[in-house]
Amino acid sequence: MKVSPINNTYFQGLYKIDRKYVGDKTEQFILSNDDVIATQKHWEDDIYVLTPDNKDKEFEECIKNDSGKYWKSKPLSNLMMYSNLLKKIFEINYYSNDHKEDWTDYTENWQQPEDKDDDLPF
């Protein structure tokens, strides 16, 4: 299994912007910041942008200066509470990779656990 990991693990802002609201300042911000990730599908009406926590306010200012309109998701850590969302991410990854898993297993020296009652708190 293999995955291309996102280099920066401190992402804060997940934004949805209608392309008609992406002005010059917003576009320049996206292009000039390597740690900002944006969708590249030009035929879609919406663009999705992921920003690190030290860039989200600056990004929002660019959109406002372009008289743009945006939607921001709940903090990404809060989205972890939605198992259906996480399931969908894994499912989409599976189908987009020709029905193969595409995740990296980083475990070393893993051993099969003994059979015991599930004592997880959730």
N, C-alpha and C. Protein backbone atom coordinates (compact mmCIF):
# COMPACT_ATOMS: atom_id res chain seq x y z
N MET A 1 0.84 -1.18 0.00
CA MET A 1 0.00 0.00 0.00
C MET A 1 0.88 1.24 0.00
N LYS A 2 0.42 2.29 -0.66
CA LYS A 2 1.22 3.49 -0.78
C LYS A 2 0.30 4.70 -0.81
N VAL A 3 0.73 5.77 -0.20
CA VAL A 3 -0.04 7.01 -0.23
C VAL A 3 0.94 8.17 -0.36
N SER A 4 0.49 9.23 -0.99
CA SER A 4 1.30 10.44 -1.04
C SER A 4 0.87 11.32 0.12
N PRO A 5 1.64 11.37 1.19
CA PRO A 5 1.20 12.12 2.37
C PRO A 5 1.26 13.63 2.14
N ILE A 6 0.41 14.33 2.84
CA ILE A 6 0.46 15.79 2.84
C ILE A 6 1.59 16.18 3.78
N ASN A 7 2.48 17.04 3.29
CA ASN A 7 3.67 17.38 4.05
C ASN A 7 3.38 18.10 5.36
N ASN A 8 2.44 19.01 5.34
CA ASN A 8 2.15 19.80 6.53
C ASN A 8 0.96 19.19 7.26
N THR A 9 1.16 18.77 8.50
CA THR A 9 0.09 18.12 9.24
C THR A 9 -0.70 19.10 10.11
N TYR A 10 -0.45 20.36 9.98
CA TYR A 10 -1.11 21.35 10.83
C TYR A 10 -2.15 22.15 10.06
N PHE A 11 -3.01 21.47 9.34
CA PHE A 11 -4.01 22.17 8.55
C PHE A 11 -5.18 22.60 9.42
N GLN A 12 -5.65 23.79 9.18
CA GLN A 12 -6.73 24.36 9.97
C GLN A 12 -7.96 24.62 9.11
N GLY A 13 -7.78 25.27 7.99
CA GLY A 13 -8.92 25.72 7.21
C GLY A 13 -9.19 24.88 5.99
N LEU A 14 -10.42 24.44 5.84
CA LEU A 14 -10.89 23.79 4.62
C LEU A 14 -11.99 24.69 4.08
N TYR A 15 -11.77 25.22 2.89
CA TYR A 15 -12.67 26.22 2.32
C TYR A 15 -13.30 25.71 1.02
N LYS A 16 -14.50 26.19 0.78
CA LYS A 16 -15.19 25.96 -0.50
C LYS A 16 -15.50 27.35 -1.05
N ILE A 17 -15.08 27.58 -2.29
CA ILE A 17 -15.27 28.89 -2.92
C ILE A 17 -15.83 28.66 -4.31
N ASP A 18 -16.87 29.39 -4.66
CA ASP A 18 -17.37 29.36 -6.03
C ASP A 18 -16.32 30.04 -6.90
N ARG A 19 -15.97 29.43 -8.02
CA ARG A 19 -14.89 29.98 -8.88
C ARG A 19 -15.12 31.42 -9.28
N LYS A 20 -16.38 31.82 -9.39
CA LYS A 20 -16.63 33.21 -9.80
C LYS A 20 -16.18 34.21 -8.74
N TYR A 21 -15.94 33.72 -7.50
CA TYR A 21 -15.48 34.59 -6.42
C TYR A 21 -13.97 34.53 -6.22
N VAL A 22 -13.25 33.78 -7.05
CA VAL A 22 -11.80 33.69 -6.90
C VAL A 22 -11.17 34.81 -7.73
N GLY A 23 -10.73 35.87 -7.03
CA GLY A 23 -10.14 37.01 -7.70
C GLY A 23 -8.63 36.89 -7.80
N ASP A 24 -8.00 37.95 -8.29
CA ASP A 24 -6.55 37.95 -8.50
C ASP A 24 -5.76 37.75 -7.21
N LYS A 25 -6.15 38.42 -6.13
CA LYS A 25 -5.41 38.30 -4.86
C LYS A 25 -5.52 36.89 -4.30
N THR A 26 -6.71 36.31 -4.39
CA THR A 26 -6.92 34.95 -3.89
C THR A 26 -6.13 33.95 -4.72
N GLU A 27 -6.19 34.10 -6.02
CA GLU A 27 -5.44 33.20 -6.91
C GLU A 27 -3.94 33.32 -6.66
N GLN A 28 -3.44 34.53 -6.50
CA GLN A 28 -2.01 34.75 -6.26
C GLN A 28 -1.60 34.13 -4.93
N PHE A 29 -2.46 34.25 -3.91
CA PHE A 29 -2.16 33.65 -2.60
C PHE A 29 -2.01 32.14 -2.72
N ILE A 30 -2.92 31.52 -3.44
CA ILE A 30 -2.88 30.06 -3.62
C ILE A 30 -1.62 29.65 -4.37
N LEU A 31 -1.29 30.37 -5.43
CA LEU A 31 -0.14 30.01 -6.26
C LEU A 31 1.20 30.29 -5.57
N SER A 32 1.24 31.27 -4.69
CA SER A 32 2.52 31.65 -4.09
C SER A 32 2.81 30.96 -2.75
N ASN A 33 1.90 30.13 -2.27
CA ASN A 33 2.09 29.42 -1.00
C ASN A 33 2.09 27.92 -1.25
N ASP A 34 3.27 27.32 -1.16
CA ASP A 34 3.40 25.88 -1.42
C ASP A 34 2.66 25.03 -0.40
N ASP A 35 2.43 25.56 0.79
CA ASP A 35 1.76 24.77 1.82
C ASP A 35 0.23 24.91 1.79
N VAL A 36 -0.29 25.59 0.79
CA VAL A 36 -1.73 25.70 0.58
C VAL A 36 -2.09 24.75 -0.57
N ILE A 37 -3.11 23.93 -0.34
CA ILE A 37 -3.50 22.94 -1.35
C ILE A 37 -4.87 23.34 -1.90
N ALA A 38 -4.98 23.36 -3.23
CA ALA A 38 -6.25 23.71 -3.87
C ALA A 38 -6.57 22.69 -4.95
N THR A 39 -7.87 22.48 -5.16
CA THR A 39 -8.28 21.57 -6.23
C THR A 39 -7.96 22.21 -7.57
N GLN A 40 -7.71 21.38 -8.55
CA GLN A 40 -7.27 21.88 -9.85
C GLN A 40 -8.23 21.56 -10.99
N LYS A 41 -9.43 21.11 -10.68
CA LYS A 41 -10.38 20.72 -11.72
C LYS A 41 -11.12 21.95 -12.23
N HIS A 42 -10.74 22.44 -13.39
CA HIS A 42 -11.27 23.70 -13.91
C HIS A 42 -12.70 23.60 -14.40
N TRP A 43 -13.22 22.40 -14.62
CA TRP A 43 -14.58 22.27 -15.11
C TRP A 43 -15.61 22.29 -13.97
N GLU A 44 -15.14 22.22 -12.73
CA GLU A 44 -16.06 22.26 -11.60
C GLU A 44 -16.31 23.71 -11.18
N ASP A 45 -17.52 23.95 -10.68
CA ASP A 45 -17.88 25.31 -10.27
C ASP A 45 -17.20 25.73 -8.97
N ASP A 46 -16.94 24.76 -8.09
CA ASP A 46 -16.35 25.08 -6.79
C ASP A 46 -14.88 24.69 -6.74
N ILE A 47 -14.14 25.47 -5.99
CA ILE A 47 -12.74 25.15 -5.73
C ILE A 47 -12.63 24.92 -4.22
N TYR A 48 -11.86 23.92 -3.83
CA TYR A 48 -11.65 23.61 -2.42
C TYR A 48 -10.20 23.91 -2.08
N VAL A 49 -9.99 24.55 -0.94
CA VAL A 49 -8.66 24.99 -0.54
C VAL A 49 -8.42 24.54 0.90
N LEU A 50 -7.23 24.01 1.13
CA LEU A 50 -6.81 23.57 2.45
C LEU A 50 -5.62 24.42 2.86
N THR A 51 -5.73 25.10 4.01
CA THR A 51 -4.66 25.99 4.46
C THR A 51 -4.11 25.54 5.80
N PRO A 52 -2.81 25.76 6.03
CA PRO A 52 -2.27 25.49 7.37
C PRO A 52 -2.79 26.54 8.35
N ASP A 53 -2.70 26.23 9.62
CA ASP A 53 -3.29 27.13 10.62
C ASP A 53 -2.63 28.49 10.69
N ASN A 54 -1.43 28.63 10.19
CA ASN A 54 -0.79 29.95 10.21
C ASN A 54 -1.13 30.78 8.97
N LYS A 55 -1.97 30.25 8.07
CA LYS A 55 -2.30 30.96 6.84
C LYS A 55 -3.79 31.20 6.66
N ASP A 56 -4.64 30.64 7.52
CA ASP A 56 -6.08 30.72 7.26
C ASP A 56 -6.61 32.15 7.33
N LYS A 57 -6.17 32.94 8.28
CA LYS A 57 -6.65 34.33 8.39
C LYS A 57 -6.18 35.16 7.20
N GLU A 58 -4.94 34.94 6.78
CA GLU A 58 -4.39 35.65 5.62
C GLU A 58 -5.17 35.29 4.35
N PHE A 59 -5.51 34.03 4.22
CA PHE A 59 -6.28 33.57 3.07
C PHE A 59 -7.68 34.21 3.06
N GLU A 60 -8.32 34.24 4.21
CA GLU A 60 -9.64 34.85 4.31
C GLU A 60 -9.60 36.33 3.95
N GLU A 61 -8.52 37.02 4.34
CA GLU A 61 -8.37 38.43 3.99
C GLU A 61 -8.25 38.61 2.47
N CYS A 62 -7.52 37.71 1.81
CA CYS A 62 -7.39 37.80 0.35
C CYS A 62 -8.75 37.67 -0.32
N ILE A 63 -9.55 36.72 0.15
CA ILE A 63 -10.88 36.53 -0.44
C ILE A 63 -11.73 37.78 -0.21
N LYS A 64 -11.70 38.32 1.01
CA LYS A 64 -12.48 39.51 1.32
C LYS A 64 -12.03 40.70 0.47
N ASN A 65 -10.70 40.84 0.28
CA ASN A 65 -10.18 41.94 -0.54
C ASN A 65 -10.59 41.80 -2.00
N ASP A 66 -10.87 40.58 -2.43
CA ASP A 66 -11.36 40.34 -3.79
C ASP A 66 -12.89 40.42 -3.86
N SER A 67 -13.52 40.83 -2.75
CA SER A 67 -14.98 40.86 -2.64
C SER A 67 -15.57 39.48 -2.89
N GLY A 68 -14.87 38.48 -2.43
CA GLY A 68 -15.30 37.11 -2.64
C GLY A 68 -16.17 36.59 -1.53
N LYS A 69 -16.70 35.42 -1.77
CA LYS A 69 -17.58 34.75 -0.82
C LYS A 69 -17.03 33.34 -0.63
N TYR A 70 -16.98 32.86 0.61
CA TYR A 70 -16.44 31.53 0.85
C TYR A 70 -17.20 30.84 1.97
N TRP A 71 -17.03 29.55 2.04
CA TRP A 71 -17.58 28.73 3.12
C TRP A 71 -16.39 28.02 3.76
N LYS A 72 -16.39 27.96 5.08
CA LYS A 72 -15.30 27.30 5.80
C LYS A 72 -15.89 26.15 6.61
N SER A 73 -15.21 25.01 6.56
CA SER A 73 -15.69 23.85 7.30
C SER A 73 -15.44 24.02 8.78
N LYS A 74 -15.99 23.11 9.56
CA LYS A 74 -15.63 23.03 10.97
C LYS A 74 -14.14 22.73 11.01
N PRO A 75 -13.48 22.96 12.16
CA PRO A 75 -12.07 22.57 12.25
C PRO A 75 -11.89 21.10 11.88
N LEU A 76 -10.81 20.80 11.18
CA LEU A 76 -10.60 19.44 10.67
C LEU A 76 -10.61 18.40 11.78
N SER A 77 -10.11 18.75 12.95
CA SER A 77 -10.12 17.79 14.05
C SER A 77 -11.55 17.44 14.45
N ASN A 78 -12.48 18.38 14.33
CA ASN A 78 -13.88 18.10 14.65
C ASN A 78 -14.51 17.16 13.63
N LEU A 79 -14.04 17.21 12.39
CA LEU A 79 -14.59 16.33 11.36
C LEU A 79 -14.27 14.87 11.63
N MET A 80 -13.27 14.61 12.46
CA MET A 80 -12.93 13.23 12.80
C MET A 80 -14.06 12.55 13.57
N MET A 81 -14.97 13.30 14.11
CA MET A 81 -16.07 12.72 14.87
C MET A 81 -17.12 12.08 13.97
N TYR A 82 -17.05 12.33 12.67
CA TYR A 82 -18.07 11.84 11.75
C TYR A 82 -17.55 10.61 11.02
N SER A 83 -17.88 9.45 11.52
CA SER A 83 -17.36 8.21 10.94
C SER A 83 -17.83 8.03 9.49
N ASN A 84 -19.02 8.51 9.16
CA ASN A 84 -19.50 8.38 7.77
C ASN A 84 -18.62 9.16 6.81
N LEU A 85 -18.15 10.32 7.24
CA LEU A 85 -17.25 11.12 6.41
C LEU A 85 -15.93 10.39 6.20
N LEU A 86 -15.38 9.84 7.27
CA LEU A 86 -14.11 9.12 7.17
C LEU A 86 -14.26 7.87 6.30
N LYS A 87 -15.36 7.17 6.45
CA LYS A 87 -15.62 5.99 5.60
C LYS A 87 -15.65 6.38 4.14
N LYS A 88 -16.28 7.50 3.86
CA LYS A 88 -16.40 7.97 2.47
C LYS A 88 -15.02 8.32 1.91
N ILE A 89 -14.14 8.89 2.71
CA ILE A 89 -12.78 9.21 2.25
C ILE A 89 -12.06 7.93 1.85
N PHE A 90 -12.14 6.89 2.68
CA PHE A 90 -11.49 5.63 2.36
C PHE A 90 -12.12 4.99 1.12
N GLU A 91 -13.43 5.08 1.02
CA GLU A 91 -14.13 4.49 -0.13
C GLU A 91 -13.74 5.19 -1.43
N ILE A 92 -13.71 6.50 -1.41
CA ILE A 92 -13.35 7.26 -2.61
C ILE A 92 -11.90 6.96 -3.00
N ASN A 93 -11.03 6.87 -2.03
CA ASN A 93 -9.64 6.53 -2.29
C ASN A 93 -9.54 5.16 -2.97
N TYR A 94 -10.31 4.21 -2.48
CA TYR A 94 -10.32 2.86 -3.04
C TYR A 94 -10.77 2.87 -4.51
N TYR A 95 -11.87 3.54 -4.78
CA TYR A 95 -12.39 3.57 -6.15
C TYR A 95 -11.53 4.40 -7.10
N SER A 96 -10.95 5.47 -6.60
CA SER A 96 -10.12 6.31 -7.47
C SER A 96 -8.77 5.67 -7.76
N ASN A 97 -8.42 4.62 -7.02
CA ASN A 97 -7.16 3.93 -7.24
C ASN A 97 -7.40 2.55 -7.86
N ASP A 98 -8.38 2.48 -8.74
CA ASP A 98 -8.67 1.24 -9.48
C ASP A 98 -8.93 0.06 -8.54
N HIS A 99 -9.72 0.31 -7.51
CA HIS A 99 -10.17 -0.71 -6.55
C HIS A 99 -9.01 -1.34 -5.78
N LYS A 100 -8.04 -0.51 -5.43
CA LYS A 100 -6.91 -0.97 -4.62
C LYS A 100 -6.76 -0.02 -3.43
N GLU A 101 -6.32 -0.57 -2.33
CA GLU A 101 -6.02 0.28 -1.19
C GLU A 101 -4.80 1.14 -1.55
N ASP A 102 -4.78 2.34 -1.05
CA ASP A 102 -3.70 3.27 -1.38
C ASP A 102 -3.23 4.00 -0.13
N TRP A 103 -2.98 3.24 0.93
CA TRP A 103 -2.56 3.81 2.19
C TRP A 103 -1.24 3.20 2.60
N THR A 104 -0.45 3.94 3.30
CA THR A 104 0.85 3.45 3.74
C THR A 104 0.74 2.86 5.14
N ASP A 105 1.29 1.69 5.30
CA ASP A 105 1.34 1.04 6.61
C ASP A 105 2.70 1.34 7.20
N TYR A 106 2.74 2.19 8.22
CA TYR A 106 4.00 2.59 8.84
C TYR A 106 4.34 1.77 10.07
N THR A 107 3.53 0.78 10.38
CA THR A 107 3.79 0.02 11.61
C THR A 107 5.02 -0.85 11.44
N GLU A 108 5.83 -0.89 12.48
CA GLU A 108 7.01 -1.74 12.51
C GLU A 108 6.86 -2.71 13.68
N ASN A 109 7.31 -3.91 13.47
CA ASN A 109 7.28 -4.93 14.53
C ASN A 109 5.88 -5.17 15.07
N TRP A 110 4.90 -5.07 14.21
CA TRP A 110 3.52 -5.29 14.63
C TRP A 110 3.29 -6.77 14.89
N GLN A 111 2.55 -7.08 15.93
CA GLN A 111 2.22 -8.47 16.25
C GLN A 111 0.71 -8.57 16.43
N GLN A 112 0.19 -9.72 16.09
CA GLN A 112 -1.24 -9.96 16.26
C GLN A 112 -1.58 -9.87 17.75
N PRO A 113 -2.54 -9.03 18.15
CA PRO A 113 -2.88 -8.95 19.57
C PRO A 113 -3.60 -10.21 20.05
N GLU A 114 -3.46 -10.45 21.31
CA GLU A 114 -4.15 -11.59 21.90
C GLU A 114 -5.65 -11.31 21.89
N ASP A 115 -6.44 -12.36 21.80
CA ASP A 115 -7.88 -12.19 21.87
C ASP A 115 -8.26 -11.70 23.27
N LYS A 116 -8.93 -10.58 23.32
CA LYS A 116 -9.39 -10.04 24.59
C LYS A 116 -10.59 -9.16 24.33
N ASP A 117 -11.25 -8.79 25.37
CA ASP A 117 -12.39 -7.90 25.23
C ASP A 117 -11.93 -6.54 24.74
N ASP A 118 -12.76 -5.93 23.93
CA ASP A 118 -12.45 -4.60 23.41
C ASP A 118 -12.60 -3.60 24.54
N ASP A 119 -11.48 -3.02 24.98
CA ASP A 119 -11.53 -2.09 26.09
C ASP A 119 -11.33 -0.64 25.65
N LEU A 120 -11.56 -0.38 24.36
CA LEU A 120 -11.43 0.98 23.87
C LEU A 120 -12.54 1.84 24.48
N PRO A 121 -12.25 3.10 24.77
CA PRO A 121 -13.25 3.96 25.43
C PRO A 121 -14.36 4.44 24.51
N PHE A 122 -14.32 4.08 23.25
CA PHE A 122 -15.37 4.54 22.32
C PHE A 122 -15.92 3.41 21.52
